[in-house]
């Protein structure tokens, strides 16, 4: 049975987010470029998404980034600034990356000025990346949305929130397979049972070092190094994480000439060369290569 409908109400007036630094392209890549699966853009250019069970709308109007929500009492401007990483630490991260001596990185950053890593809920991020192996962004969105529509809270306007791992632990693997998850259903069901049996386990990951958290999360069914790094980067704010998929491997192999290097060696290179904000560099590479900007 679907949970009780929440967060209903009429959209409010558009509010301004100052100091955002986004371009139309970098906002589109931040929201729709593969780190989050809860945002969609309509024909007017407005982005519709869900953050912590609240519907949010975003749009760029000239130089302004504007936002609105149908439930302003449950979501603040401060929370949105945090989610979008609009604060002084973003510029600190940009200044720390080695773009001054790395012309490949510099070109990516120039093409996608303002691109950010979203600060997403860890539980939801883990769920979506368990769906991700051999799936396109639209396929991941479709599966995740159908699961939320069936088991998650209704937020109004046809949108639903993430049901949470407690609710998912009540759903059988067979039921999950009905959502076209395939073999991923076993991993989602197994993870749901593990989290049910280990309260506060997810929260405890954020107290660990990156290496320890990576080792810990890889004990979950279906979680290898790439998924672990995606979850830690996009859901736990561990910005040194550097997920290597086919796009990033292409960058490292063709742009940095690491042809004969193993995956472990490529990861070591990334962590040494890009430093504490390797994950931000990774996102610049991912979007630039995927959009053929390099």
C-alpha atoms as a PDB file:
ATOM      1  CA  UNK A   1       0.000   0.000   0.000  1.00  0.00           C
ATOM      2  CA  UNK A   2       1.371   3.441  -0.930  1.00  0.00           C
ATOM      3  CA  UNK A   3       2.234   5.663   1.983  1.00  0.00           C
ATOM      4  CA  UNK A   4       0.070   8.655   2.872  1.00  0.00           C
ATOM      5  CA  UNK A   5       0.325  11.631   0.541  1.00  0.00           C
ATOM      6  CA  UNK A   6       2.492  14.423   1.871  1.00  0.00           C
ATOM      7  CA  UNK A   7       3.860  17.828   0.835  1.00  0.00           C
ATOM      8  CA  UNK A   8       0.786  18.852  -1.159  1.00  0.00           C
ATOM      9  CA  UNK A   9       0.225  22.485  -1.945  1.00  0.00           C
ATOM     10  CA  UNK A  10       0.494  25.132  -4.638  1.00  0.00           C
ATOM     11  CA  UNK A  11       3.903  26.225  -5.935  1.00  0.00           C
ATOM     12  CA  UNK A  12       5.231  29.395  -4.398  1.00  0.00           C
ATOM     13  CA  UNK A  13       6.741  32.394  -6.169  1.00  0.00           C
ATOM     14  CA  UNK A  14      10.199  32.026  -7.665  1.00  0.00           C
ATOM     15  CA  UNK A  15      13.037  32.770  -5.237  1.00  0.00           C
ATOM     16  CA  UNK A  16      16.609  33.681  -6.135  1.00  0.00           C
ATOM     17  CA  UNK A  17      19.767  31.721  -5.225  1.00  0.00           C
ATOM     18  CA  UNK A  18      22.659  34.149  -5.208  1.00  0.00           C
ATOM     19  CA  UNK A  19      26.264  33.328  -6.084  1.00  0.00           C
ATOM     20  CA  UNK A  20      25.417  30.099  -7.888  1.00  0.00           C
ATOM     21  CA  UNK A  21      27.971  30.121 -10.729  1.00  0.00           C
ATOM     22  CA  UNK A  22      25.977  27.720 -12.920  1.00  0.00           C
ATOM     23  CA  UNK A  23      25.562  27.968 -16.666  1.00  0.00           C
ATOM     24  CA  UNK A  24      22.583  26.385 -18.387  1.00  0.00           C
ATOM     25  CA  UNK A  25      24.841  23.507 -19.464  1.00  0.00           C
ATOM     26  CA  UNK A  26      26.547  22.938 -16.112  1.00  0.00           C
ATOM     27  CA  UNK A  27      23.212  22.973 -14.267  1.00  0.00           C
ATOM     28  CA  UNK A  28      21.845  20.402 -16.723  1.00  0.00           C
ATOM     29  CA  UNK A  29      24.884  18.178 -16.229  1.00  0.00           C
ATOM     30  CA  UNK A  30      24.797  18.560 -12.455  1.00  0.00           C
ATOM     31  CA  UNK A  31      21.127  17.576 -12.210  1.00  0.00           C
ATOM     32  CA  UNK A  32      20.772  15.210 -15.161  1.00  0.00           C
ATOM     33  CA  UNK A  33      24.254  13.948 -15.944  1.00  0.00           C
ATOM     34  CA  UNK A  34      24.314  10.707 -14.015  1.00  0.00           C
ATOM     35  CA  UNK A  35      24.970  11.551 -10.391  1.00  0.00           C
ATOM     36  CA  UNK A  36      21.273  11.940  -9.525  1.00  0.00           C
ATOM     37  CA  UNK A  37      18.201  10.245 -10.966  1.00  0.00           C
ATOM     38  CA  UNK A  38      15.382  12.319  -9.472  1.00  0.00           C
ATOM     39  CA  UNK A  39      15.493  15.373 -11.763  1.00  0.00           C
ATOM     40  CA  UNK A  40      13.657  15.996 -15.045  1.00  0.00           C
ATOM     41  CA  UNK A  41      13.536  19.056 -17.278  1.00  0.00           C
ATOM     42  CA  UNK A  42      10.257  20.135 -18.857  1.00  0.00           C
ATOM     43  CA  UNK A  43       9.691  21.838 -22.214  1.00  0.00           C
ATOM     44  CA  UNK A  44      10.048  25.307 -20.651  1.00  0.00           C
ATOM     45  CA  UNK A  45      13.497  24.539 -19.251  1.00  0.00           C
ATOM     46  CA  UNK A  46      12.365  24.153 -15.631  1.00  0.00           C
ATOM     47  CA  UNK A  47      13.963  21.315 -13.644  1.00  0.00           C
ATOM     48  CA  UNK A  48      11.659  19.289 -11.380  1.00  0.00           C
ATOM     49  CA  UNK A  49      13.159  17.163  -8.618  1.00  0.00           C
ATOM     50  CA  UNK A  50      12.713  15.738  -5.156  1.00  0.00           C
ATOM     51  CA  UNK A  51      15.019  16.428  -2.220  1.00  0.00           C
ATOM     52  CA  UNK A  52      14.314  14.732   1.112  1.00  0.00           C
ATOM     53  CA  UNK A  53      10.659  14.067   0.189  1.00  0.00           C
ATOM     54  CA  UNK A  54      10.030  17.661  -0.935  1.00  0.00           C
ATOM     55  CA  UNK A  55       9.408  18.693  -4.549  1.00  0.00           C
ATOM     56  CA  UNK A  56      11.730  21.406  -5.828  1.00  0.00           C
ATOM     57  CA  UNK A  57      11.784  23.372  -9.096  1.00  0.00           C
ATOM     58  CA  UNK A  58      14.841  25.089 -10.497  1.00  0.00           C
ATOM     59  CA  UNK A  59      15.396  27.287 -13.515  1.00  0.00           C
ATOM     60  CA  UNK A  60      18.006  29.615 -14.940  1.00  0.00           C
ATOM     61  CA  UNK A  61      16.547  32.939 -16.063  1.00  0.00           C
ATOM     62  CA  UNK A  62      19.291  35.027 -17.569  1.00  0.00           C
ATOM     63  CA  UNK A  63      21.983  35.201 -14.913  1.00  0.00           C
ATOM     64  CA  UNK A  64      19.593  34.205 -12.136  1.00  0.00           C
ATOM     65  CA  UNK A  65      19.133  30.755 -10.627  1.00  0.00           C
ATOM     66  CA  UNK A  66      15.590  30.609  -9.267  1.00  0.00           C
ATOM     67  CA  UNK A  67      13.772  28.025  -7.189  1.00  0.00           C
ATOM     68  CA  UNK A  68      10.412  27.212  -5.727  1.00  0.00           C
ATOM     69  CA  UNK A  69       8.772  24.447  -3.715  1.00  0.00           C
ATOM     70  CA  UNK A  70       5.230  23.408  -2.936  1.00  0.00           C
ATOM     71  CA  UNK A  71       6.133  23.050   0.731  1.00  0.00           C
ATOM     72  CA  UNK A  72       8.299  25.972   1.909  1.00  0.00           C
ATOM     73  CA  UNK A  73       7.730  25.098   5.572  1.00  0.00           C
ATOM     74  CA  UNK A  74       9.596  21.814   5.084  1.00  0.00           C
ATOM     75  CA  UNK A  75      12.468  23.006   2.903  1.00  0.00           C
ATOM     76  CA  UNK A  76      14.663  26.075   3.285  1.00  0.00           C
ATOM     77  CA  UNK A  77      16.932  28.090   1.050  1.00  0.00           C
ATOM     78  CA  UNK A  78      19.815  27.031   3.294  1.00  0.00           C
ATOM     79  CA  UNK A  79      19.029  23.367   2.633  1.00  0.00           C
ATOM     80  CA  UNK A  80      18.965  23.945  -1.122  1.00  0.00           C
ATOM     81  CA  UNK A  81      22.266  25.836  -1.059  1.00  0.00           C
ATOM     82  CA  UNK A  82      23.769  22.886   0.798  1.00  0.00           C
ATOM     83  CA  UNK A  83      22.347  20.334  -1.642  1.00  0.00           C
ATOM     84  CA  UNK A  84      23.675  22.267  -4.659  1.00  0.00           C
ATOM     85  CA  UNK A  85      27.062  22.911  -3.005  1.00  0.00           C
ATOM     86  CA  UNK A  86      26.679  26.665  -3.328  1.00  0.00           C
ATOM     87  CA  UNK A  87      29.093  27.883  -0.677  1.00  0.00           C
ATOM     88  CA  UNK A  88      32.693  29.012  -0.306  1.00  0.00           C
ATOM     89  CA  UNK A  89      34.040  25.456  -0.094  1.00  0.00           C
ATOM     90  CA  UNK A  90      33.174  24.909  -3.772  1.00  0.00           C
ATOM     91  CA  UNK A  91      35.556  27.637  -4.901  1.00  0.00           C
ATOM     92  CA  UNK A  92      38.178  26.245  -2.507  1.00  0.00           C
ATOM     93  CA  UNK A  93      37.823  22.869  -4.248  1.00  0.00           C
ATOM     94  CA  UNK A  94      38.126  24.480  -7.687  1.00  0.00           C
ATOM     95  CA  UNK A  95      41.264  26.342  -6.617  1.00  0.00           C
ATOM     96  CA  UNK A  96      42.782  23.145  -5.231  1.00  0.00           C
ATOM     97  CA  UNK A  97      42.433  21.107  -8.438  1.00  0.00           C
ATOM     98  CA  UNK A  98      45.577  21.074 -10.653  1.00  0.00           C
ATOM     99  CA  UNK A  99      44.020  22.862 -13.657  1.00  0.00           C
ATOM    100  CA  UNK A 100      46.865  25.379 -13.806  1.00  0.00           C
ATOM    101  CA  UNK A 101      49.281  22.662 -14.913  1.00  0.00           C
ATOM    102  CA  UNK A 102      46.795  20.195 -16.410  1.00  0.00           C
ATOM    103  CA  UNK A 103      45.453  21.507 -19.719  1.00  0.00           C
ATOM    104  CA  UNK A 104      43.039  18.586 -20.143  1.00  0.00           C
ATOM    105  CA  UNK A 105      41.350  19.310 -16.833  1.00  0.00           C
ATOM    106  CA  UNK A 106      41.447  23.061 -17.517  1.00  0.00           C
ATOM    107  CA  UNK A 107      39.567  22.587 -20.802  1.00  0.00           C
ATOM    108  CA  UNK A 108      36.869  20.496 -19.095  1.00  0.00           C
ATOM    109  CA  UNK A 109      36.435  23.003 -16.293  1.00  0.00           C
ATOM    110  CA  UNK A 110      36.243  25.907 -18.723  1.00  0.00           C
ATOM    111  CA  UNK A 111      33.589  24.146 -20.819  1.00  0.00           C
ATOM    112  CA  UNK A 112      31.438  23.276 -17.784  1.00  0.00           C
ATOM    113  CA  UNK A 113      31.982  26.189 -15.438  1.00  0.00           C
ATOM    114  CA  UNK A 114      29.934  25.769 -12.270  1.00  0.00           C
ATOM    115  CA  UNK A 115      29.523  21.983 -12.483  1.00  0.00           C
ATOM    116  CA  UNK A 116      29.110  20.544  -8.995  1.00  0.00           C
ATOM    117  CA  UNK A 117      28.745  17.379  -6.969  1.00  0.00           C
ATOM    118  CA  UNK A 118      25.301  17.253  -5.385  1.00  0.00           C
ATOM    119  CA  UNK A 119      24.993  16.495  -1.678  1.00  0.00           C
ATOM    120  CA  UNK A 120      22.350  13.781  -1.907  1.00  0.00           C
ATOM    121  CA  UNK A 121      20.768  11.504   0.707  1.00  0.00           C
ATOM    122  CA  UNK A 122      22.989   8.463   1.180  1.00  0.00           C
ATOM    123  CA  UNK A 123      20.186   5.893   1.386  1.00  0.00           C
ATOM    124  CA  UNK A 124      18.613   6.996  -1.894  1.00  0.00           C
ATOM    125  CA  UNK A 125      21.979   7.248  -3.650  1.00  0.00           C
ATOM    126  CA  UNK A 126      22.851   3.686  -2.695  1.00  0.00           C
ATOM    127  CA  UNK A 127      19.531   2.450  -4.075  1.00  0.00           C
ATOM    128  CA  UNK A 128      19.915   4.119  -7.456  1.00  0.00           C
ATOM    129  CA  UNK A 129      23.490   2.996  -7.978  1.00  0.00           C
ATOM    130  CA  UNK A 130      22.535  -0.589  -7.156  1.00  0.00           C
ATOM    131  CA  UNK A 131      20.274  -0.259 -10.211  1.00  0.00           C
ATOM    132  CA  UNK A 132      23.016   1.207 -12.382  1.00  0.00           C
ATOM    133  CA  UNK A 133      25.102  -1.714 -13.748  1.00  0.00           C
ATOM    134  CA  UNK A 134      24.638  -1.970 -17.526  1.00  0.00           C
ATOM    135  CA  UNK A 135      21.764   0.508 -17.386  1.00  0.00           C
ATOM    136  CA  UNK A 136      21.402   3.903 -19.069  1.00  0.00           C
ATOM    137  CA  UNK A 137      20.405   7.023 -17.142  1.00  0.00           C
ATOM    138  CA  UNK A 138      16.806   6.932 -18.505  1.00  0.00           C
ATOM    139  CA  UNK A 139      16.487   3.234 -17.596  1.00  0.00           C
ATOM    140  CA  UNK A 140      17.705   3.839 -14.039  1.00  0.00           C
ATOM    141  CA  UNK A 141      15.272   6.734 -13.673  1.00  0.00           C
ATOM    142  CA  UNK A 142      12.353   4.692 -14.978  1.00  0.00           C
ATOM    143  CA  UNK A 143      12.985   1.754 -12.648  1.00  0.00           C
ATOM    144  CA  UNK A 144      13.574   3.951  -9.625  1.00  0.00           C
ATOM    145  CA  UNK A 145      10.480   5.993 -10.325  1.00  0.00           C
ATOM    146  CA  UNK A 146       8.257   2.941 -10.639  1.00  0.00           C
ATOM    147  CA  UNK A 147       9.548   1.610  -7.317  1.00  0.00           C
ATOM    148  CA  UNK A 148       8.855   4.973  -5.670  1.00  0.00           C
ATOM    149  CA  UNK A 149       5.382   5.187  -7.205  1.00  0.00           C
ATOM    150  CA  UNK A 150       4.540   1.758  -5.794  1.00  0.00           C
ATOM    151  CA  UNK A 151       6.116   1.904  -2.349  1.00  0.00           C
ATOM    152  CA  UNK A 152       7.030   5.531  -1.635  1.00  0.00           C
ATOM    153  CA  UNK A 153       5.070   8.507  -0.283  1.00  0.00           C
ATOM    154  CA  UNK A 154       3.043  10.569  -2.739  1.00  0.00           C
ATOM    155  CA  UNK A 155       4.277  14.155  -2.867  1.00  0.00           C
ATOM    156  CA  UNK A 156       1.542  15.484  -5.126  1.00  0.00           C
ATOM    157  CA  UNK A 157       1.605  16.341  -8.840  1.00  0.00           C
ATOM    158  CA  UNK A 158       2.283  12.720  -9.674  1.00  0.00           C
ATOM    159  CA  UNK A 159       5.650  12.585  -7.920  1.00  0.00           C
ATOM    160  CA  UNK A 160       6.702  10.146  -5.192  1.00  0.00           C
ATOM    161  CA  UNK A 161       9.572  10.005  -2.759  1.00  0.00           C
ATOM    162  CA  UNK A 162      12.106   7.270  -2.128  1.00  0.00           C
ATOM    163  CA  UNK A 163      10.398   4.599   0.023  1.00  0.00           C
ATOM    164  CA  UNK A 164      13.435   3.987   2.252  1.00  0.00           C
ATOM    165  CA  UNK A 165      15.271   0.773   3.025  1.00  0.00           C
ATOM    166  CA  UNK A 166      12.910  -0.247   5.831  1.00  0.00           C
ATOM    167  CA  UNK A 167      10.006  -0.319   3.389  1.00  0.00           C
ATOM    168  CA  UNK A 168      12.107  -2.041   0.728  1.00  0.00           C
ATOM    169  CA  UNK A 169      13.038  -4.766   3.220  1.00  0.00           C
ATOM    170  CA  UNK A 170       9.356  -5.791   3.128  1.00  0.00           C
ATOM    171  CA  UNK A 171       9.434  -6.271  -0.651  1.00  0.00           C
ATOM    172  CA  UNK A 172      10.446  -9.667  -2.013  1.00  0.00           C
ATOM    173  CA  UNK A 173      13.071 -10.224  -4.659  1.00  0.00           C
ATOM    174  CA  UNK A 174      10.349 -11.590  -6.915  1.00  0.00           C
ATOM    175  CA  UNK A 175       8.332  -8.377  -6.572  1.00  0.00           C
ATOM    176  CA  UNK A 176      11.426  -6.300  -7.340  1.00  0.00           C
ATOM    177  CA  UNK A 177      12.051  -8.307 -10.502  1.00  0.00           C
ATOM    178  CA  UNK A 178       8.662  -7.136 -11.755  1.00  0.00           C
ATOM    179  CA  UNK A 179      10.233  -3.679 -12.075  1.00  0.00           C
ATOM    180  CA  UNK A 180      12.660  -4.938 -14.736  1.00  0.00           C
ATOM    181  CA  UNK A 181      15.601  -4.967 -12.341  1.00  0.00           C
ATOM    182  CA  UNK A 182      16.816  -8.355 -13.519  1.00  0.00           C
ATOM    183  CA  UNK A 183      19.717  -9.679 -11.450  1.00  0.00           C
ATOM    184  CA  UNK A 184      19.904  -6.318  -9.666  1.00  0.00           C
ATOM    185  CA  UNK A 185      16.740  -7.275  -7.736  1.00  0.00           C
ATOM    186  CA  UNK A 186      18.755  -9.784  -5.722  1.00  0.00           C
ATOM    187  CA  UNK A 187      21.263  -7.080  -4.773  1.00  0.00           C
ATOM    188  CA  UNK A 188      18.563  -4.594  -3.790  1.00  0.00           C
ATOM    189  CA  UNK A 189      16.703  -7.199  -1.725  1.00  0.00           C
ATOM    190  CA  UNK A 190      19.907  -8.388  -0.059  1.00  0.00           C
ATOM    191  CA  UNK A 191      20.983  -4.840   0.754  1.00  0.00           C
ATOM    192  CA  UNK A 192      17.547  -4.048   2.200  1.00  0.00           C
ATOM    193  CA  UNK A 193      17.740  -7.031   4.535  1.00  0.00           C
ATOM    194  CA  UNK A 194      21.299  -6.174   5.568  1.00  0.00           C
ATOM    195  CA  UNK A 195      20.391  -2.574   6.409  1.00  0.00           C
ATOM    196  CA  UNK A 196      17.286  -3.761   8.296  1.00  0.00           C
ATOM    197  CA  UNK A 197      19.466  -6.067  10.393  1.00  0.00           C
ATOM    198  CA  UNK A 198      22.161  -3.428  10.963  1.00  0.00           C
ATOM    199  CA  UNK A 199      20.472  -0.227  12.166  1.00  0.00           C
ATOM    200  CA  UNK A 200      22.545   2.943  11.743  1.00  0.00           C
ATOM    201  CA  UNK A 201      25.005   1.127   9.460  1.00  0.00           C
ATOM    202  CA  UNK A 202      24.508   3.609   6.620  1.00  0.00           C
ATOM    203  CA  UNK A 203      24.938   6.591   8.902  1.00  0.00           C
ATOM    204  CA  UNK A 204      28.118   5.097  10.374  1.00  0.00           C
ATOM    205  CA  UNK A 205      29.791   5.040   6.948  1.00  0.00           C
ATOM    206  CA  UNK A 206      30.067   8.802   7.028  1.00  0.00           C
ATOM    207  CA  UNK A 207      32.099   8.606  10.214  1.00  0.00           C
ATOM    208  CA  UNK A 208      34.741   6.397   8.572  1.00  0.00           C
ATOM    209  CA  UNK A 209      37.715   7.341   6.453  1.00  0.00           C
ATOM    210  CA  UNK A 210      37.228   7.078   2.709  1.00  0.00           C
ATOM    211  CA  UNK A 211      39.257   3.861   2.443  1.00  0.00           C
ATOM    212  CA  UNK A 212      37.467   2.219   5.362  1.00  0.00           C
ATOM    213  CA  UNK A 213      34.040   3.289   4.096  1.00  0.00           C
ATOM    214  CA  UNK A 214      34.865   1.947   0.626  1.00  0.00           C
ATOM    215  CA  UNK A 215      35.907  -1.408   2.072  1.00  0.00           C
ATOM    216  CA  UNK A 216      32.783  -1.561   4.228  1.00  0.00           C
ATOM    217  CA  UNK A 217      30.288  -0.715   1.496  1.00  0.00           C
ATOM    218  CA  UNK A 218      31.842  -3.270  -0.839  1.00  0.00           C
ATOM    219  CA  UNK A 219      30.587  -5.990   1.508  1.00  0.00           C
ATOM    220  CA  UNK A 220      27.076  -5.342   0.161  1.00  0.00           C
ATOM    221  CA  UNK A 221      25.813  -7.652  -2.596  1.00  0.00           C
ATOM    222  CA  UNK A 222      26.599  -6.335  -6.058  1.00  0.00           C
ATOM    223  CA  UNK A 223      28.812  -3.485  -4.888  1.00  0.00           C
ATOM    224  CA  UNK A 224      32.216  -3.349  -6.520  1.00  0.00           C
ATOM    225  CA  UNK A 225      34.716  -0.536  -6.548  1.00  0.00           C
ATOM    226  CA  UNK A 226      32.938   1.686  -9.070  1.00  0.00           C
ATOM    227  CA  UNK A 227      29.539   1.554  -7.347  1.00  0.00           C
ATOM    228  CA  UNK A 228      31.188   2.036  -3.957  1.00  0.00           C
ATOM    229  CA  UNK A 229      32.944   5.162  -5.219  1.00  0.00           C
ATOM    230  CA  UNK A 230      29.743   6.501  -6.805  1.00  0.00           C
ATOM    231  CA  UNK A 231      27.795   6.050  -3.570  1.00  0.00           C
ATOM    232  CA  UNK A 232      30.519   7.608  -1.435  1.00  0.00           C
ATOM    233  CA  UNK A 233      31.059  10.529  -3.812  1.00  0.00           C
ATOM    234  CA  UNK A 234      27.449  11.404  -4.563  1.00  0.00           C
ATOM    235  CA  UNK A 235      25.805  10.285  -1.318  1.00  0.00           C
ATOM    236  CA  UNK A 236      28.396  10.560   1.444  1.00  0.00           C
ATOM    237  CA  UNK A 237      30.273  13.659   0.322  1.00  0.00           C
ATOM    238  CA  UNK A 238      33.626  11.859   0.112  1.00  0.00           C
ATOM    239  CA  UNK A 239      35.082  14.008  -2.641  1.00  0.00           C
ATOM    240  CA  UNK A 240      38.298  12.014  -2.972  1.00  0.00           C
ATOM    241  CA  UNK A 241      36.298   9.100  -4.419  1.00  0.00           C
ATOM    242  CA  UNK A 242      37.011   8.635  -8.138  1.00  0.00           C
ATOM    243  CA  UNK A 243      34.570   6.262  -9.874  1.00  0.00           C
ATOM    244  CA  UNK A 244      36.035   4.772 -13.039  1.00  0.00           C
ATOM    245  CA  UNK A 245      33.464   3.770 -15.646  1.00  0.00           C
ATOM    246  CA  UNK A 246      33.922   3.433 -19.408  1.00  0.00           C
ATOM    247  CA  UNK A 247      33.915   7.216 -19.934  1.00  0.00           C
ATOM    248  CA  UNK A 248      36.534   7.867 -17.266  1.00  0.00           C
ATOM    249  CA  UNK A 249      38.631   4.935 -18.395  1.00  0.00           C
ATOM    250  CA  UNK A 250      38.606   6.451 -21.881  1.00  0.00           C
ATOM    251  CA  UNK A 251      39.828   9.769 -20.472  1.00  0.00           C
ATOM    252  CA  UNK A 252      42.628   8.146 -18.496  1.00  0.00           C
ATOM    253  CA  UNK A 253      43.646   5.863 -21.364  1.00  0.00           C
ATOM    254  CA  UNK A 254      43.406   8.254 -24.298  1.00  0.00           C
ATOM    255  CA  UNK A 255      43.898  11.699 -22.758  1.00  0.00           C
ATOM    256  CA  UNK A 256      46.436  10.810 -20.068  1.00  0.00           C
ATOM    257  CA  UNK A 257      48.015   7.913 -22.027  1.00  0.00           C
ATOM    258  CA  UNK A 258      47.650   5.345 -19.238  1.00  0.00           C
ATOM    259  CA  UNK A 259      47.122   2.591 -21.815  1.00  0.00           C
ATOM    260  CA  UNK A 260      48.867  -0.271 -20.064  1.00  0.00           C
ATOM    261  CA  UNK A 261      47.945   0.710 -16.512  1.00  0.00           C
ATOM    262  CA  UNK A 262      45.766  -1.515 -14.335  1.00  0.00           C
ATOM    263  CA  UNK A 263      42.590  -0.220 -12.707  1.00  0.00           C
ATOM    264  CA  UNK A 264      44.398  -0.035  -9.362  1.00  0.00           C
ATOM    265  CA  UNK A 265      47.209   1.987 -10.913  1.00  0.00           C
ATOM    266  CA  UNK A 266      44.737   4.356 -12.573  1.00  0.00           C
ATOM    267  CA  UNK A 267      42.989   4.923  -9.246  1.00  0.00           C
ATOM    268  CA  UNK A 268      46.332   5.644  -7.579  1.00  0.00           C
ATOM    269  CA  UNK A 269      47.181   8.132 -10.316  1.00  0.00           C
ATOM    270  CA  UNK A 270      43.825   9.889  -9.926  1.00  0.00           C
ATOM    271  CA  UNK A 271      44.107  10.189  -6.159  1.00  0.00           C
ATOM    272  CA  UNK A 272      47.691  11.454  -6.332  1.00  0.00           C
ATOM    273  CA  UNK A 273      47.208  13.820  -9.261  1.00  0.00           C
ATOM    274  CA  UNK A 274      43.787  15.287  -8.434  1.00  0.00           C
ATOM    275  CA  UNK A 275      44.022  15.085  -4.653  1.00  0.00           C
ATOM    276  CA  UNK A 276      41.263  15.560  -2.112  1.00  0.00           C
ATOM    277  CA  UNK A 277      38.771  16.693  -4.765  1.00  0.00           C
ATOM    278  CA  UNK A 278      39.435  13.956  -7.314  1.00  0.00           C
ATOM    279  CA  UNK A 279      35.699  13.244  -7.483  1.00  0.00           C
ATOM    280  CA  UNK A 280      34.964  16.767  -8.717  1.00  0.00           C
ATOM    281  CA  UNK A 281      37.601  16.365 -11.428  1.00  0.00           C
ATOM    282  CA  UNK A 282      35.992  13.034 -12.309  1.00  0.00           C
ATOM    283  CA  UNK A 283      32.642  14.708 -12.880  1.00  0.00           C
ATOM    284  CA  UNK A 284      34.193  17.326 -15.164  1.00  0.00           C
ATOM    285  CA  UNK A 285      35.781  14.497 -17.173  1.00  0.00           C
ATOM    286  CA  UNK A 286      32.640  12.364 -17.227  1.00  0.00           C
ATOM    287  CA  UNK A 287      30.434  15.143 -18.589  1.00  0.00           C
ATOM    288  CA  UNK A 288      33.043  16.510 -20.999  1.00  0.00           C
ATOM    289  CA  UNK A 289      33.764  13.131 -22.568  1.00  0.00           C
ATOM    290  CA  UNK A 290      30.096  12.154 -22.714  1.00  0.00           C
ATOM    291  CA  UNK A 291      29.175  15.495 -24.363  1.00  0.00           C
ATOM    292  CA  UNK A 292      32.199  15.343 -26.672  1.00  0.00           C
ATOM    293  CA  UNK A 293      33.659  18.578 -25.354  1.00  0.00           C
ATOM    294  CA  UNK A 294      37.206  17.214 -25.254  1.00  0.00           C
END
